[in-house]
PDB file of N, CA and C in Angstrom:
ATOM      1  N   MET A   1      -7.224  14.386  -3.907  1.00  0.00           N
ATOM      2  CA  MET A   1      -6.517  13.136  -4.083  1.00  0.00           C
ATOM      3  C   MET A   1      -6.368  12.418  -2.746  1.00  0.00           C
ATOM      4  N   ILE A   2      -6.649  11.154  -2.753  1.00  0.00           N
ATOM      5  CA  ILE A   2      -6.469  10.318  -1.568  1.00  0.00           C
ATOM      6  C   ILE A   2      -5.232   9.459  -1.794  1.00  0.00           C
ATOM      7  N   SER A   3      -4.253   9.576  -0.908  1.00  0.00           N
ATOM      8  CA  SER A   3      -3.016   8.804  -1.051  1.00  0.00           C
ATOM      9  C   SER A   3      -3.170   7.450  -0.360  1.00  0.00           C
ATOM     10  N   VAL A   4      -2.684   6.409  -1.038  1.00  0.00           N
ATOM     11  CA  VAL A   4      -2.840   5.035  -0.564  1.00  0.00           C
ATOM     12  C   VAL A   4      -1.473   4.356  -0.508  1.00  0.00           C
ATOM     13  N   LEU A   5      -1.229   3.641   0.581  1.00  0.00           N
ATOM     14  CA  LEU A   5      -0.032   2.813   0.718  1.00  0.00           C
ATOM     15  C   LEU A   5      -0.477   1.358   0.739  1.00  0.00           C
ATOM     16  N   LEU A   6       0.168   0.514  -0.060  1.00  0.00           N
ATOM     17  CA  LEU A   6      -0.146  -0.910  -0.115  1.00  0.00           C
ATOM     18  C   LEU A   6       0.903  -1.682   0.678  1.00  0.00           C
ATOM     19  N   VAL A   7       0.458  -2.536   1.601  1.00  0.00           N
ATOM     20  CA  VAL A   7       1.384  -3.348   2.394  1.00  0.00           C
ATOM     21  C   VAL A   7       0.901  -4.794   2.340  1.00  0.00           C
ATOM     22  N   ASP A   8       1.655  -5.628   1.618  1.00  0.00           N
ATOM     23  CA  ASP A   8       1.287  -7.033   1.451  1.00  0.00           C
ATOM     24  C   ASP A   8       2.540  -7.809   1.075  1.00  0.00           C
ATOM     25  N   ASP A   9       2.701  -9.012   1.621  1.00  0.00           N
ATOM     26  CA  ASP A   9       3.871  -9.816   1.285  1.00  0.00           C
ATOM     27  C   ASP A   9       3.748 -10.482  -0.080  1.00  0.00           C
ATOM     28  N   ASP A  10       2.577 -10.459  -0.673  1.00  0.00           N
ATOM     29  CA  ASP A  10       2.333 -11.058  -1.988  1.00  0.00           C
ATOM     30  C   ASP A  10       2.449  -9.977  -3.067  1.00  0.00           C
ATOM     31  N   ALA A  11       3.496 -10.070  -3.878  1.00  0.00           N
ATOM     32  CA  ALA A  11       3.737  -9.062  -4.920  1.00  0.00           C
ATOM     33  C   ALA A  11       2.590  -8.996  -5.921  1.00  0.00           C
ATOM     34  N   MET A  12       1.985 -10.145  -6.227  1.00  0.00           N
ATOM     35  CA  MET A  12       0.859 -10.160  -7.172  1.00  0.00           C
ATOM     36  C   MET A  12      -0.334  -9.396  -6.598  1.00  0.00           C
ATOM     37  N   ALA A  13      -0.571  -9.531  -5.312  1.00  0.00           N
ATOM     38  CA  ALA A  13      -1.670  -8.805  -4.671  1.00  0.00           C
ATOM     39  C   ALA A  13      -1.417  -7.304  -4.730  1.00  0.00           C
ATOM     40  N   ARG A  14      -0.178  -6.896  -4.442  1.00  0.00           N
ATOM     41  CA  ARG A  14       0.152  -5.468  -4.513  1.00  0.00           C
ATOM     42  C   ARG A  14      -0.034  -4.931  -5.929  1.00  0.00           C
ATOM     43  N   THR A  15       0.407  -5.701  -6.910  1.00  0.00           N
ATOM     44  CA  THR A  15       0.268  -5.272  -8.305  1.00  0.00           C
ATOM     45  C   THR A  15      -1.200  -5.177  -8.700  1.00  0.00           C
ATOM     46  N   GLY A  16      -1.986  -6.164  -8.316  1.00  0.00           N
ATOM     47  CA  GLY A  16      -3.413  -6.148  -8.636  1.00  0.00           C
ATOM     48  C   GLY A  16      -4.132  -4.969  -8.005  1.00  0.00           C
ATOM     49  N   LEU A  17      -3.841  -4.713  -6.740  1.00  0.00           N
ATOM     50  CA  LEU A  17      -4.459  -3.570  -6.063  1.00  0.00           C
ATOM     51  C   LEU A  17      -4.038  -2.257  -6.712  1.00  0.00           C
ATOM     52  N   ARG A  18      -2.761  -2.173  -7.094  1.00  0.00           N
ATOM     53  CA  ARG A  18      -2.264  -0.958  -7.753  1.00  0.00           C
ATOM     54  C   ARG A  18      -3.034  -0.707  -9.057  1.00  0.00           C
ATOM     55  N   LEU A  19      -3.270  -1.770  -9.832  1.00  0.00           N
ATOM     56  CA  LEU A  19      -4.008  -1.632 -11.093  1.00  0.00           C
ATOM     57  C   LEU A  19      -5.456  -1.207 -10.849  1.00  0.00           C
ATOM     58  N   ILE A  20      -6.079  -1.781  -9.853  1.00  0.00           N
ATOM     59  CA  ILE A  20      -7.465  -1.417  -9.528  1.00  0.00           C
ATOM     60  C   ILE A  20      -7.542   0.041  -9.092  1.00  0.00           C
ATOM     61  N   ILE A  21      -6.645   0.443  -8.216  1.00  0.00           N
ATOM     62  CA  ILE A  21      -6.647   1.815  -7.700  1.00  0.00           C
ATOM     63  C   ILE A  21      -6.348   2.818  -8.807  1.00  0.00           C
ATOM     64  N   ALA A  22      -5.496   2.431  -9.760  1.00  0.00           N
ATOM     65  CA  ALA A  22      -5.145   3.330 -10.868  1.00  0.00           C
ATOM     66  C   ALA A  22      -6.370   3.718 -11.694  1.00  0.00           C
ATOM     67  N   GLY A  23      -7.422   2.916 -11.634  1.00  0.00           N
ATOM     68  CA  GLY A  23      -8.637   3.209 -12.378  1.00  0.00           C
ATOM     69  C   GLY A  23      -9.507   4.283 -11.751  1.00  0.00           C
ATOM     70  N   ASP A  24      -9.182   4.722 -10.566  1.00  0.00           N
ATOM     71  CA  ASP A  24      -9.966   5.757  -9.885  1.00  0.00           C
ATOM     72  C   ASP A  24      -9.165   7.054  -9.855  1.00  0.00           C
ATOM     73  N   PRO A  25      -9.664   8.099 -10.496  1.00  0.00           N
ATOM     74  CA  PRO A  25      -8.909   9.352 -10.566  1.00  0.00           C
ATOM     75  C   PRO A  25      -8.741  10.060  -9.216  1.00  0.00           C
ATOM     76  N   GLU A  26      -9.494   9.659  -8.203  1.00  0.00           N
ATOM     77  CA  GLU A  26      -9.384  10.302  -6.890  1.00  0.00           C
ATOM     78  C   GLU A  26      -8.372   9.616  -5.975  1.00  0.00           C
ATOM     79  N   LEU A  27      -7.815   8.485  -6.422  1.00  0.00           N
ATOM     80  CA  LEU A  27      -6.866   7.730  -5.608  1.00  0.00           C
ATOM     81  C   LEU A  27      -5.494   7.709  -6.271  1.00  0.00           C
ATOM     82  N   VAL A  28      -4.452   7.734  -5.453  1.00  0.00           N
ATOM     83  CA  VAL A  28      -3.088   7.601  -5.965  1.00  0.00           C
ATOM     84  C   VAL A  28      -2.290   6.724  -5.001  1.00  0.00           C
ATOM     85  N   VAL A  29      -1.617   5.711  -5.546  1.00  0.00           N
ATOM     86  CA  VAL A  29      -0.756   4.856  -4.736  1.00  0.00           C
ATOM     87  C   VAL A  29       0.576   5.578  -4.562  1.00  0.00           C
ATOM     88  N   VAL A  30       0.918   5.878  -3.317  1.00  0.00           N
ATOM     89  CA  VAL A  30       2.152   6.613  -3.040  1.00  0.00           C
ATOM     90  C   VAL A  30       3.324   5.683  -2.736  1.00  0.00           C
ATOM     91  N   GLY A  31       3.037   4.396  -2.535  1.00  0.00           N
ATOM     92  CA  GLY A  31       4.107   3.451  -2.266  1.00  0.00           C
ATOM     93  C   GLY A  31       3.565   2.095  -1.890  1.00  0.00           C
ATOM     94  N   ASP A  32       4.496   1.144  -1.717  1.00  0.00           N
ATOM     95  CA  ASP A  32       4.104  -0.181  -1.256  1.00  0.00           C
ATOM     96  C   ASP A  32       5.235  -0.775  -0.431  1.00  0.00           C
ATOM     97  N   ALA A  33       4.903  -1.800   0.328  1.00  0.00           N
ATOM     98  CA  ALA A  33       5.882  -2.475   1.180  1.00  0.00           C
ATOM     99  C   ALA A  33       5.530  -3.949   1.240  1.00  0.00           C
ATOM    100  N   GLU A  34       6.560  -4.789   1.480  1.00  0.00           N
ATOM    101  CA  GLU A  34       6.330  -6.230   1.464  1.00  0.00           C
ATOM    102  C   GLU A  34       6.298  -6.883   2.838  1.00  0.00           C
ATOM    103  N   ASP A  35       6.520  -6.098   3.898  1.00  0.00           N
ATOM    104  CA  ASP A  35       6.391  -6.651   5.249  1.00  0.00           C
ATOM    105  C   ASP A  35       6.036  -5.531   6.228  1.00  0.00           C
ATOM    106  N   GLY A  36       5.747  -5.922   7.451  1.00  0.00           N
ATOM    107  CA  GLY A  36       5.298  -4.959   8.448  1.00  0.00           C
ATOM    108  C   GLY A  36       6.311  -3.877   8.774  1.00  0.00           C
ATOM    109  N   GLU A  37       7.572  -4.255   8.887  1.00  0.00           N
ATOM    110  CA  GLU A  37       8.601  -3.263   9.213  1.00  0.00           C
ATOM    111  C   GLU A  37       8.743  -2.227   8.104  1.00  0.00           C
ATOM    112  N   ALA A  38       8.791  -2.693   6.862  1.00  0.00           N
ATOM    113  CA  ALA A  38       8.879  -1.766   5.727  1.00  0.00           C
ATOM    114  C   ALA A  38       7.612  -0.925   5.636  1.00  0.00           C
ATOM    115  N   GLY A  39       6.479  -1.525   5.983  1.00  0.00           N
ATOM    116  CA  GLY A  39       5.224  -0.785   5.982  1.00  0.00           C
ATOM    117  C   GLY A  39       5.235   0.357   6.981  1.00  0.00           C
ATOM    118  N   LEU A  40       5.733   0.096   8.188  1.00  0.00           N
ATOM    119  CA  LEU A  40       5.813   1.152   9.202  1.00  0.00           C
ATOM    120  C   LEU A  40       6.740   2.280   8.766  1.00  0.00           C
ATOM    121  N   ARG A  41       7.880   1.912   8.173  1.00  0.00           N
ATOM    122  CA  ARG A  41       8.797   2.948   7.672  1.00  0.00           C
ATOM    123  C   ARG A  41       8.114   3.794   6.601  1.00  0.00           C
ATOM    124  N   ALA A  42       7.393   3.135   5.689  1.00  0.00           N
ATOM    125  CA  ALA A  42       6.713   3.853   4.608  1.00  0.00           C
ATOM    126  C   ALA A  42       5.607   4.753   5.153  1.00  0.00           C
ATOM    127  N   ILE A  43       4.895   4.297   6.167  1.00  0.00           N
ATOM    128  CA  ILE A  43       3.846   5.120   6.777  1.00  0.00           C
ATOM    129  C   ILE A  43       4.454   6.384   7.364  1.00  0.00           C
ATOM    130  N   ARG A  44       5.564   6.229   8.076  1.00  0.00           N
ATOM    131  CA  ARG A  44       6.221   7.398   8.679  1.00  0.00           C
ATOM    132  C   ARG A  44       6.747   8.353   7.615  1.00  0.00           C
ATOM    133  N   GLU A  45       7.308   7.803   6.553  1.00  0.00           N
ATOM    134  CA  GLU A  45       7.917   8.624   5.503  1.00  0.00           C
ATOM    135  C   GLU A  45       6.880   9.279   4.592  1.00  0.00           C
ATOM    136  N   LEU A  46       5.854   8.520   4.198  1.00  0.00           N
ATOM    137  CA  LEU A  46       4.912   8.985   3.178  1.00  0.00           C
ATOM    138  C   LEU A  46       3.632   9.599   3.744  1.00  0.00           C
ATOM    139  N   ALA A  47       3.286   9.279   4.983  1.00  0.00           N
ATOM    140  CA  ALA A  47       2.060   9.768   5.628  1.00  0.00           C
ATOM    141  C   ALA A  47       0.835   9.640   4.720  1.00  0.00           C
ATOM    142  N   PRO A  48       0.512   8.407   4.294  1.00  0.00           N
ATOM    143  CA  PRO A  48      -0.635   8.215   3.404  1.00  0.00           C
ATOM    144  C   PRO A  48      -1.958   8.449   4.131  1.00  0.00           C
ATOM    145  N   ASP A  49      -2.994   8.746   3.349  1.00  0.00           N
ATOM    146  CA  ASP A  49      -4.335   8.888   3.916  1.00  0.00           C
ATOM    147  C   ASP A  49      -4.910   7.524   4.296  1.00  0.00           C
ATOM    148  N   VAL A  50      -4.598   6.498   3.486  1.00  0.00           N
ATOM    149  CA  VAL A  50      -5.143   5.151   3.670  1.00  0.00           C
ATOM    150  C   VAL A  50      -4.011   4.136   3.537  1.00  0.00           C
ATOM    151  N   VAL A  51      -4.041   3.105   4.392  1.00  0.00           N
ATOM    152  CA  VAL A  51      -3.107   1.987   4.267  1.00  0.00           C
ATOM    153  C   VAL A  51      -3.934   0.729   4.039  1.00  0.00           C
ATOM    154  N   LEU A  52      -3.711   0.070   2.897  1.00  0.00           N
ATOM    155  CA  LEU A  52      -4.326  -1.229   2.641  1.00  0.00           C
ATOM    156  C   LEU A  52      -3.315  -2.277   3.077  1.00  0.00           C
ATOM    157  N   LEU A  53      -3.685  -3.053   4.106  1.00  0.00           N
ATOM    158  CA  LEU A  53      -2.737  -3.924   4.788  1.00  0.00           C
ATOM    159  C   LEU A  53      -3.253  -5.352   4.857  1.00  0.00           C
ATOM    160  N   ASP A  54      -2.404  -6.297   4.509  1.00  0.00           N
ATOM    161  CA  ASP A  54      -2.698  -7.717   4.666  1.00  0.00           C
ATOM    162  C   ASP A  54      -2.480  -8.060   6.139  1.00  0.00           C
ATOM    163  N   ILE A  55      -3.531  -8.476   6.839  1.00  0.00           N
ATOM    164  CA  ILE A  55      -3.390  -8.735   8.274  1.00  0.00           C
ATOM    165  C   ILE A  55      -2.717 -10.076   8.569  1.00  0.00           C
ATOM    166  N   ARG A  56      -2.529 -10.919   7.564  1.00  0.00           N
ATOM    167  CA  ARG A  56      -1.860 -12.213   7.754  1.00  0.00           C
ATOM    168  C   ARG A  56      -0.476 -12.198   7.112  1.00  0.00           C
ATOM    169  N   MET A  57       0.246 -11.162   7.348  1.00  0.00           N
ATOM    170  CA  MET A  57       1.535 -10.961   6.715  1.00  0.00           C
ATOM    171  C   MET A  57       2.638 -11.065   7.756  1.00  0.00           C
ATOM    172  N   PRO A  58       3.809 -11.585   7.349  1.00  0.00           N
ATOM    173  CA  PRO A  58       4.921 -11.626   8.302  1.00  0.00           C
ATOM    174  C   PRO A  58       5.352 -10.223   8.716  1.00  0.00           C
ATOM    175  N   VAL A  59       5.843 -10.123   9.929  1.00  0.00           N
ATOM    176  CA  VAL A  59       6.335  -8.839  10.425  1.00  0.00           C
ATOM    177  C   VAL A  59       7.639  -8.576   9.740  1.00  0.00           C
TER     178      VAL A  59
END
């Protein structure tokens, strides 16, 4: 299993990515965050294998 963290300020984007990832049995979304600070906290707490991050997002 590959753990994925979604970090994006757009809730629709996070939901869409979650639905796409749910279709792959080798991937699991372990959490999401809506800004950079929450994303960093989630990375430290969840230690995901992959972080999908919106690079044009507010800190």
